[in-house]
């Protein structure tokens, strides 16, 4: 499946075969890097890791448990973060 994805999107920058917890702990992803983040609800995230996931997503975090999908809209938090960063950039000398 991964090979098919890379063939479909040949300009992919990188592939990191790892668990989401390892990815969060290693700091590979930056704030607002993805539109949607899918998390299998069987993965136990700490509160800090949940916050990281919310910051990585621009629009939504989707928790999938069996056949149920729980959608968390994170657009408000993303907007607040962008305003804060923009203000900091304007204030910097």
PDB file of N, CA and C in Angstrom:
ATOM      1  N   UNK A   1       0.821  -1.189   0.000  1.00  0.00           N
ATOM      2  CA  UNK A   1       0.000   0.000   0.000  1.00  0.00           C
ATOM      3  C   UNK A   1       0.869   1.260   0.000  1.00  0.00           C
ATOM      4  N   UNK A   2       1.960   1.195   0.741  1.00  0.00           N
ATOM      5  CA  UNK A   2       2.845   2.351   0.794  1.00  0.00           C
ATOM      6  C   UNK A   2       3.450   2.637  -0.576  1.00  0.00           C
ATOM      7  N   UNK A   3       3.846   1.595  -1.275  1.00  0.00           N
ATOM      8  CA  UNK A   3       4.383   1.778  -2.627  1.00  0.00           C
ATOM      9  C   UNK A   3       3.353   2.415  -3.550  1.00  0.00           C
ATOM     10  N   UNK A   4       2.095   1.998  -3.435  1.00  0.00           N
ATOM     11  CA  UNK A   4       1.033   2.581  -4.264  1.00  0.00           C
ATOM     12  C   UNK A   4       0.868   4.061  -3.947  1.00  0.00           C
ATOM     13  N   UNK A   5       0.938   4.412  -2.678  1.00  0.00           N
ATOM     14  CA  UNK A   5       0.806   5.811  -2.272  1.00  0.00           C
ATOM     15  C   UNK A   5       1.932   6.650  -2.866  1.00  0.00           C
ATOM     16  N   UNK A   6       3.151   6.147  -2.805  1.00  0.00           N
ATOM     17  CA  UNK A   6       4.286   6.884  -3.353  1.00  0.00           C
ATOM     18  C   UNK A   6       4.166   7.008  -4.869  1.00  0.00           C
ATOM     19  N   UNK A   7       3.667   5.969  -5.532  1.00  0.00           N
ATOM     20  CA  UNK A   7       3.453   6.063  -6.989  1.00  0.00           C
ATOM     21  C   UNK A   7       2.400   7.106  -7.321  1.00  0.00           C
ATOM     22  N   UNK A   8       1.369   7.179  -6.489  1.00  0.00           N
ATOM     23  CA  UNK A   8       0.298   8.147  -6.727  1.00  0.00           C
ATOM     24  C   UNK A   8       0.786   9.575  -6.460  1.00  0.00           C
ATOM     25  N   UNK A   9       1.683   9.734  -5.494  1.00  0.00           N
ATOM     26  CA  UNK A   9       2.210  11.049  -5.111  1.00  0.00           C
ATOM     27  C   UNK A   9       3.731  11.009  -5.192  1.00  0.00           C
ATOM     28  N   UNK A  10       4.291  11.040  -6.399  1.00  0.00           N
ATOM     29  CA  UNK A  10       5.735  10.842  -6.572  1.00  0.00           C
ATOM     30  C   UNK A  10       6.596  11.946  -5.961  1.00  0.00           C
ATOM     31  N   UNK A  11       5.997  13.079  -5.639  1.00  0.00           N
ATOM     32  CA  UNK A  11       6.785  14.161  -5.050  1.00  0.00           C
ATOM     33  C   UNK A  11       6.794  14.110  -3.525  1.00  0.00           C
ATOM     34  N   UNK A  12       6.420  12.953  -2.966  1.00  0.00           N
ATOM     35  CA  UNK A  12       6.419  12.813  -1.518  1.00  0.00           C
ATOM     36  C   UNK A  12       7.811  13.139  -0.988  1.00  0.00           C
ATOM     37  N   UNK A  13       7.865  13.913   0.071  1.00  0.00           N
ATOM     38  CA  UNK A  13       9.151  14.371   0.603  1.00  0.00           C
ATOM     39  C   UNK A  13       9.842  13.309   1.449  1.00  0.00           C
ATOM     40  N   UNK A  14       9.085  12.570   2.239  1.00  0.00           N
ATOM     41  CA  UNK A  14       9.709  11.587   3.129  1.00  0.00           C
ATOM     42  C   UNK A  14       8.668  10.595   3.612  1.00  0.00           C
ATOM     43  N   UNK A  15       9.148   9.434   3.984  1.00  0.00           N
ATOM     44  CA  UNK A  15       8.300   8.398   4.571  1.00  0.00           C
ATOM     45  C   UNK A  15       8.944   7.983   5.884  1.00  0.00           C
ATOM     46  N   UNK A  16       8.175   8.000   6.948  1.00  0.00           N
ATOM     47  CA  UNK A  16       8.675   7.640   8.261  1.00  0.00           C
ATOM     48  C   UNK A  16       7.867   6.462   8.795  1.00  0.00           C
ATOM     49  N   UNK A  17       8.325   5.232   8.582  1.00  0.00           N
ATOM     50  CA  UNK A  17       7.579   4.075   9.103  1.00  0.00           C
ATOM     51  C   UNK A  17       7.780   3.946  10.611  1.00  0.00           C
ATOM     52  N   UNK A  18       6.838   4.459  11.360  1.00  0.00           N
ATOM     53  CA  UNK A  18       6.927   4.429  12.824  1.00  0.00           C
ATOM     54  C   UNK A  18       5.536   4.584  13.406  1.00  0.00           C
ATOM     55  N   UNK A  19       5.421   4.283  14.678  1.00  0.00           N
ATOM     56  CA  UNK A  19       4.138   4.476  15.357  1.00  0.00           C
ATOM     57  C   UNK A  19       3.915   5.962  15.604  1.00  0.00           C
ATOM     58  N   UNK A  20       2.665   6.343  15.794  1.00  0.00           N
ATOM     59  CA  UNK A  20       2.344   7.741  16.043  1.00  0.00           C
ATOM     60  C   UNK A  20       2.994   8.227  17.336  1.00  0.00           C
ATOM     61  N   UNK A  21       3.086   7.372  18.323  1.00  0.00           N
ATOM     62  CA  UNK A  21       3.705   7.782  19.589  1.00  0.00           C
ATOM     63  C   UNK A  21       5.183   8.087  19.382  1.00  0.00           C
ATOM     64  N   UNK A  22       5.875   7.241  18.632  1.00  0.00           N
ATOM     65  CA  UNK A  22       7.289   7.498  18.349  1.00  0.00           C
ATOM     66  C   UNK A  22       7.446   8.789  17.549  1.00  0.00           C
ATOM     67  N   UNK A  23       6.569   9.014  16.588  1.00  0.00           N
ATOM     68  CA  UNK A  23       6.636  10.232  15.784  1.00  0.00           C
ATOM     69  C   UNK A  23       6.436  11.476  16.644  1.00  0.00           C
ATOM     70  N   UNK A  24       5.496  11.420  17.575  1.00  0.00           N
ATOM     71  CA  UNK A  24       5.256  12.561  18.462  1.00  0.00           C
ATOM     72  C   UNK A  24       6.450  12.789  19.375  1.00  0.00           C
ATOM     73  N   UNK A  25       6.995  11.710  19.916  1.00  0.00           N
ATOM     74  CA  UNK A  25       8.133  11.829  20.829  1.00  0.00           C
ATOM     75  C   UNK A  25       9.384  12.332  20.122  1.00  0.00           C
ATOM     76  N   UNK A  26       9.549  11.986  18.852  1.00  0.00           N
ATOM     77  CA  UNK A  26      10.750  12.396  18.117  1.00  0.00           C
ATOM     78  C   UNK A  26      10.647  13.830  17.592  1.00  0.00           C
ATOM     79  N   UNK A  27       9.433  14.393  17.602  1.00  0.00           N
ATOM     80  CA  UNK A  27       9.257  15.776  17.144  1.00  0.00           C
ATOM     81  C   UNK A  27       9.395  15.941  15.637  1.00  0.00           C
ATOM     82  N   UNK A  28       9.067  14.912  14.869  1.00  0.00           N
ATOM     83  CA  UNK A  28       9.200  14.964  13.410  1.00  0.00           C
ATOM     84  C   UNK A  28       8.213  15.928  12.762  1.00  0.00           C
ATOM     85  N   UNK A  29       7.071  16.124  13.379  1.00  0.00           N
ATOM     86  CA  UNK A  29       6.016  16.908  12.750  1.00  0.00           C
ATOM     87  C   UNK A  29       5.906  18.286  13.377  1.00  0.00           C
ATOM     88  N   UNK A  30       5.599  19.280  12.563  1.00  0.00           N
ATOM     89  CA  UNK A  30       5.484  20.645  13.051  1.00  0.00           C
ATOM     90  C   UNK A  30       4.018  21.047  13.157  1.00  0.00           C
ATOM     91  N   UNK A  31       3.772  22.097  13.898  1.00  0.00           N
ATOM     92  CA  UNK A  31       2.411  22.592  14.083  1.00  0.00           C
ATOM     93  C   UNK A  31       1.758  22.890  12.741  1.00  0.00           C
ATOM     94  N   UNK A  32       0.496  22.452  12.597  1.00  0.00           N
ATOM     95  CA  UNK A  32      -0.279  22.754  11.399  1.00  0.00           C
ATOM     96  C   UNK A  32       0.233  22.102  10.135  1.00  0.00           C
ATOM     97  N   UNK A  33       0.927  20.983  10.250  1.00  0.00           N
ATOM     98  CA  UNK A  33       1.524  20.346   9.076  1.00  0.00           C
ATOM     99  C   UNK A  33       0.507  19.577   8.233  1.00  0.00           C
ATOM    100  N   UNK A  34      -0.557  19.085   8.846  1.00  0.00           N
ATOM    101  CA  UNK A  34      -1.527  18.253   8.136  1.00  0.00           C
ATOM    102  C   UNK A  34      -2.927  18.834   8.262  1.00  0.00           C
ATOM    103  N   UNK A  35      -3.757  18.636   7.227  1.00  0.00           N
ATOM    104  CA  UNK A  35      -5.146  19.069   7.309  1.00  0.00           C
ATOM    105  C   UNK A  35      -5.914  18.199   8.293  1.00  0.00           C
ATOM    106  N   UNK A  36      -5.756  16.889   8.168  1.00  0.00           N
ATOM    107  CA  UNK A  36      -6.451  15.944   9.038  1.00  0.00           C
ATOM    108  C   UNK A  36      -5.442  14.986   9.639  1.00  0.00           C
ATOM    109  N   UNK A  37      -5.682  14.582  10.856  1.00  0.00           N
ATOM    110  CA  UNK A  37      -4.860  13.559  11.506  1.00  0.00           C
ATOM    111  C   UNK A  37      -5.798  12.449  11.950  1.00  0.00           C
ATOM    112  N   UNK A  38      -5.500  11.214  11.544  1.00  0.00           N
ATOM    113  CA  UNK A  38      -6.288  10.041  11.926  1.00  0.00           C
ATOM    114  C   UNK A  38      -5.547   9.288  13.019  1.00  0.00           C
ATOM    115  N   UNK A  39      -6.239   8.995  14.106  1.00  0.00           N
ATOM    116  CA  UNK A  39      -5.649   8.247  15.212  1.00  0.00           C
ATOM    117  C   UNK A  39      -6.551   7.064  15.528  1.00  0.00           C
ATOM    118  N   UNK A  40      -5.946   5.896  15.599  1.00  0.00           N
ATOM    119  CA  UNK A  40      -6.671   4.708  16.045  1.00  0.00           C
ATOM    120  C   UNK A  40      -6.855   4.844  17.552  1.00  0.00           C
ATOM    121  N   UNK A  41      -8.071   4.804  18.019  1.00  0.00           N
ATOM    122  CA  UNK A  41      -8.347   5.041  19.441  1.00  0.00           C
ATOM    123  C   UNK A  41      -7.776   3.964  20.355  1.00  0.00           C
ATOM    124  N   UNK A  42      -7.292   2.859  19.793  1.00  0.00           N
ATOM    125  CA  UNK A  42      -6.644   1.866  20.645  1.00  0.00           C
ATOM    126  C   UNK A  42      -5.256   2.334  21.057  1.00  0.00           C
ATOM    127  N   UNK A  43      -4.721   3.351  20.370  1.00  0.00           N
ATOM    128  CA  UNK A  43      -3.430   3.916  20.746  1.00  0.00           C
ATOM    129  C   UNK A  43      -3.656   4.836  21.944  1.00  0.00           C
ATOM    130  N   UNK A  44      -2.979   4.572  23.015  1.00  0.00           N
ATOM    131  CA  UNK A  44      -3.150   5.358  24.241  1.00  0.00           C
ATOM    132  C   UNK A  44      -2.196   6.543  24.234  1.00  0.00           C
ATOM    133  N   UNK A  45      -2.727   7.735  24.054  1.00  0.00           N
ATOM    134  CA  UNK A  45      -1.917   8.943  24.052  1.00  0.00           C
ATOM    135  C   UNK A  45      -2.022   9.654  25.390  1.00  0.00           C
ATOM    136  N   UNK A  46      -0.916  10.236  25.827  1.00  0.00           N
ATOM    137  CA  UNK A  46      -0.942  11.063  27.032  1.00  0.00           C
ATOM    138  C   UNK A  46      -1.623  12.388  26.692  1.00  0.00           C
ATOM    139  N   UNK A  47      -1.941  13.175  27.701  1.00  0.00           N
ATOM    140  CA  UNK A  47      -2.543  14.485  27.443  1.00  0.00           C
ATOM    141  C   UNK A  47      -1.601  15.360  26.613  1.00  0.00           C
ATOM    142  N   UNK A  48      -0.302  15.278  26.893  1.00  0.00           N
ATOM    143  CA  UNK A  48       0.685  16.042  26.128  1.00  0.00           C
ATOM    144  C   UNK A  48       0.687  15.616  24.672  1.00  0.00           C
ATOM    145  N   UNK A  49       0.626  14.313  24.420  1.00  0.00           N
ATOM    146  CA  UNK A  49       0.600  13.811  23.052  1.00  0.00           C
ATOM    147  C   UNK A  49      -0.686  14.219  22.343  1.00  0.00           C
ATOM    148  N   UNK A  50      -1.814  14.217  23.046  1.00  0.00           N
ATOM    149  CA  UNK A  50      -3.087  14.675  22.458  1.00  0.00           C
ATOM    150  C   UNK A  50      -2.974  16.137  22.035  1.00  0.00           C
ATOM    151  N   UNK A  51      -2.350  16.942  22.883  1.00  0.00           N
ATOM    152  CA  UNK A  51      -2.153  18.355  22.554  1.00  0.00           C
ATOM    153  C   UNK A  51      -1.279  18.489  21.317  1.00  0.00           C
ATOM    154  N   UNK A  52      -0.227  17.664  21.228  1.00  0.00           N
ATOM    155  CA  UNK A  52       0.635  17.681  20.052  1.00  0.00           C
ATOM    156  C   UNK A  52      -0.159  17.346  18.790  1.00  0.00           C
ATOM    157  N   UNK A  53      -1.005  16.342  18.867  1.00  0.00           N
ATOM    158  CA  UNK A  53      -1.816  15.939  17.716  1.00  0.00           C
ATOM    159  C   UNK A  53      -2.723  17.091  17.300  1.00  0.00           C
ATOM    160  N   UNK A  54      -3.345  17.758  18.270  1.00  0.00           N
ATOM    161  CA  UNK A  54      -4.215  18.895  17.955  1.00  0.00           C
ATOM    162  C   UNK A  54      -3.443  20.016  17.269  1.00  0.00           C
ATOM    163  N   UNK A  55      -2.187  20.206  17.645  1.00  0.00           N
ATOM    164  CA  UNK A  55      -1.379  21.273  17.044  1.00  0.00           C
ATOM    165  C   UNK A  55      -0.888  20.899  15.649  1.00  0.00           C
ATOM    166  N   UNK A  56      -0.685  19.618  15.413  1.00  0.00           N
ATOM    167  CA  UNK A  56      -0.209  19.161  14.099  1.00  0.00           C
ATOM    168  C   UNK A  56      -1.301  19.324  13.045  1.00  0.00           C
ATOM    169  N   UNK A  57      -2.557  19.143  13.449  1.00  0.00           N
ATOM    170  CA  UNK A  57      -3.681  19.222  12.509  1.00  0.00           C
ATOM    171  C   UNK A  57      -4.125  20.658  12.305  1.00  0.00           C
ATOM    172  N   UNK A  58      -4.422  21.014  11.059  1.00  0.00           N
ATOM    173  CA  UNK A  58      -4.957  22.341  10.761  1.00  0.00           C
ATOM    174  C   UNK A  58      -6.468  22.374  10.874  1.00  0.00           C
ATOM    175  N   UNK A  59      -7.137  21.290  10.478  1.00  0.00           N
ATOM    176  CA  UNK A  59      -8.595  21.292  10.406  1.00  0.00           C
ATOM    177  C   UNK A  59      -9.254  20.340  11.390  1.00  0.00           C
ATOM    178  N   UNK A  60      -8.802  19.075  11.401  1.00  0.00           N
ATOM    179  CA  UNK A  60      -9.530  18.092  12.200  1.00  0.00           C
ATOM    180  C   UNK A  60      -8.630  16.961  12.666  1.00  0.00           C
ATOM    181  N   UNK A  61      -8.994  16.425  13.818  1.00  0.00           N
ATOM    182  CA  UNK A  61      -8.414  15.187  14.324  1.00  0.00           C
ATOM    183  C   UNK A  61      -9.540  14.174  14.358  1.00  0.00           C
ATOM    184  N   UNK A  62      -9.298  13.012  13.786  1.00  0.00           N
ATOM    185  CA  UNK A  62     -10.327  11.984  13.699  1.00  0.00           C
ATOM    186  C   UNK A  62      -9.854  10.752  14.463  1.00  0.00           C
ATOM    187  N   UNK A  63     -10.555  10.427  15.542  1.00  0.00           N
ATOM    188  CA  UNK A  63     -10.288   9.214  16.314  1.00  0.00           C
ATOM    189  C   UNK A  63     -11.161   8.105  15.764  1.00  0.00           C
ATOM    190  N   UNK A  64     -10.554   6.992  15.408  1.00  0.00           N
ATOM    191  CA  UNK A  64     -11.298   5.867  14.847  1.00  0.00           C
ATOM    192  C   UNK A  64     -11.283   4.717  15.844  1.00  0.00           C
ATOM    193  N   UNK A  65     -12.467   4.328  16.277  1.00  0.00           N
ATOM    194  CA  UNK A  65     -12.619   3.183  17.184  1.00  0.00           C
ATOM    195  C   UNK A  65     -13.629   2.241  16.551  1.00  0.00           C
ATOM    196  N   UNK A  66     -13.147   1.060  16.171  1.00  0.00           N
ATOM    197  CA  UNK A  66     -13.981   0.103  15.450  1.00  0.00           C
ATOM    198  C   UNK A  66     -14.575   0.797  14.221  1.00  0.00           C
ATOM    199  N   UNK A  67     -15.882   0.871  14.139  1.00  0.00           N
ATOM    200  CA  UNK A  67     -16.514   1.524  12.995  1.00  0.00           C
ATOM    201  C   UNK A  67     -16.930   2.966  13.285  1.00  0.00           C
ATOM    202  N   UNK A  68     -16.694   3.427  14.505  1.00  0.00           N
ATOM    203  CA  UNK A  68     -17.107   4.781  14.892  1.00  0.00           C
ATOM    204  C   UNK A  68     -15.955   5.774  14.705  1.00  0.00           C
ATOM    205  N   UNK A  69     -16.259   6.889  14.072  1.00  0.00           N
ATOM    206  CA  UNK A  69     -15.282   7.950  13.865  1.00  0.00           C
ATOM    207  C   UNK A  69     -15.697   9.148  14.705  1.00  0.00           C
ATOM    208  N   UNK A  70     -14.787   9.626  15.548  1.00  0.00           N
ATOM    209  CA  UNK A  70     -15.039  10.805  16.375  1.00  0.00           C
ATOM    210  C   UNK A  70     -14.224  11.960  15.793  1.00  0.00           C
ATOM    211  N   UNK A  71     -14.922  12.991  15.328  1.00  0.00           N
ATOM    212  CA  UNK A  71     -14.284  14.126  14.672  1.00  0.00           C
ATOM    213  C   UNK A  71     -14.125  15.283  15.643  1.00  0.00           C
ATOM    214  N   UNK A  72     -12.883  15.759  15.809  1.00  0.00           N
ATOM    215  CA  UNK A  72     -12.618  16.947  16.620  1.00  0.00           C
ATOM    216  C   UNK A  72     -12.179  18.070  15.693  1.00  0.00           C
ATOM    217  N   UNK A  73     -12.952  19.121  15.628  1.00  0.00           N
ATOM    218  CA  UNK A  73     -12.645  20.275  14.791  1.00  0.00           C
ATOM    219  C   UNK A  73     -11.609  21.128  15.525  1.00  0.00           C
ATOM    220  N   UNK A  74     -10.424  21.291  14.943  1.00  0.00           N
ATOM    221  CA  UNK A  74      -9.357  22.056  15.592  1.00  0.00           C
ATOM    222  C   UNK A  74      -9.070  23.371  14.859  1.00  0.00           C
ATOM    223  N   UNK A  75     -10.007  23.785  13.989  1.00  0.00           N
ATOM    224  CA  UNK A  75      -9.788  25.026  13.233  1.00  0.00           C
ATOM    225  C   UNK A  75      -9.650  26.238  14.141  1.00  0.00           C
ATOM    226  N   UNK A  76     -10.424  26.286  15.221  1.00  0.00           N
ATOM    227  CA  UNK A  76     -10.334  27.428  16.143  1.00  0.00           C
ATOM    228  C   UNK A  76      -8.966  27.530  16.784  1.00  0.00           C
ATOM    229  N   UNK A  77      -8.453  26.415  17.245  1.00  0.00           N
ATOM    230  CA  UNK A  77      -7.128  26.401  17.866  1.00  0.00           C
ATOM    231  C   UNK A  77      -6.055  26.765  16.845  1.00  0.00           C
ATOM    232  N   UNK A  78      -6.226  26.307  15.611  1.00  0.00           N
ATOM    233  CA  UNK A  78      -5.273  26.625  14.550  1.00  0.00           C
ATOM    234  C   UNK A  78      -5.280  28.117  14.265  1.00  0.00           C
ATOM    235  N   UNK A  79      -6.468  28.716  14.189  1.00  0.00           N
ATOM    236  CA  UNK A  79      -6.575  30.158  13.941  1.00  0.00           C
ATOM    237  C   UNK A  79      -5.907  30.951  15.056  1.00  0.00           C
ATOM    238  N   UNK A  80      -6.169  30.561  16.300  1.00  0.00           N
ATOM    239  CA  UNK A  80      -5.548  31.248  17.436  1.00  0.00           C
ATOM    240  C   UNK A  80      -4.028  31.139  17.371  1.00  0.00           C
ATOM    241  N   UNK A  81      -3.534  29.950  17.036  1.00  0.00           N
ATOM    242  CA  UNK A  81      -2.093  29.731  16.945  1.00  0.00           C
ATOM    243  C   UNK A  81      -1.476  30.598  15.854  1.00  0.00           C
ATOM    244  N   UNK A  82      -2.154  30.688  14.695  1.00  0.00           N
ATOM    245  CA  UNK A  82      -1.634  31.497  13.595  1.00  0.00           C
ATOM    246  C   UNK A  82      -1.605  32.986  13.947  1.00  0.00           C
ATOM    247  N   UNK A  83      -2.623  33.458  14.634  1.00  0.00           N
ATOM    248  CA  UNK A  83      -2.659  34.860  15.055  1.00  0.00           C
ATOM    249  C   UNK A  83      -1.519  35.134  16.030  1.00  0.00           C
ATOM    250  N   UNK A  84      -1.307  34.238  16.966  1.00  0.00           N
ATOM    251  CA  UNK A  84      -0.232  34.403  17.951  1.00  0.00           C
ATOM    252  C   UNK A  84       1.138  34.446  17.268  1.00  0.00           C
ATOM    253  N   UNK A  85       1.376  33.494  16.377  1.00  0.00           N
ATOM    254  CA  UNK A  85       2.669  33.438  15.671  1.00  0.00           C
ATOM    255  C   UNK A  85       2.861  34.689  14.804  1.00  0.00           C
ATOM    256  N   UNK A  86       1.799  35.104  14.125  1.00  0.00           N
ATOM    257  CA  UNK A  86       1.869  36.295  13.286  1.00  0.00           C
ATOM    258  C   UNK A  86       2.197  37.531  14.124  1.00  0.00           C
ATOM    259  N   UNK A  87       1.563  37.651  15.279  1.00  0.00           N
ATOM    260  CA  UNK A  87       1.835  38.786  16.169  1.00  0.00           C
ATOM    261  C   UNK A  87       3.267  38.773  16.660  1.00  0.00           C
ATOM    262  N   UNK A  88       3.762  37.602  16.989  1.00  0.00           N
ATOM    263  CA  UNK A  88       5.147  37.481  17.447  1.00  0.00           C
ATOM    264  C   UNK A  88       6.130  37.855  16.352  1.00  0.00           C
ATOM    265  N   UNK A  89       5.816  37.470  15.116  1.00  0.00           N
ATOM    266  CA  UNK A  89       6.698  37.797  14.003  1.00  0.00           C
ATOM    267  C   UNK A  89       6.723  39.297  13.740  1.00  0.00           C
ATOM    268  N   UNK A  90       5.556  39.939  13.848  1.00  0.00           N
ATOM    269  CA  UNK A  90       5.496  41.382  13.635  1.00  0.00           C
ATOM    270  C   UNK A  90       6.200  42.138  14.749  1.00  0.00           C
ATOM    271  N   UNK A  91       6.177  41.602  15.963  1.00  0.00           N
ATOM    272  CA  UNK A  91       6.795  42.282  17.098  1.00  0.00           C
ATOM    273  C   UNK A  91       8.307  42.103  17.149  1.00  0.00           C
ATOM    274  N   UNK A  92       8.811  41.089  16.485  1.00  0.00           N
ATOM    275  CA  UNK A  92      10.256  40.814  16.509  1.00  0.00           C
ATOM    276  C   UNK A  92      10.998  41.899  15.746  1.00  0.00           C
ATOM    277  N   UNK A  93      12.162  42.323  16.276  1.00  0.00           N
ATOM    278  CA  UNK A  93      12.946  43.379  15.592  1.00  0.00           C
ATOM    279  C   UNK A  93      13.570  42.895  14.304  1.00  0.00           C
TER     280      UNK A  93
END
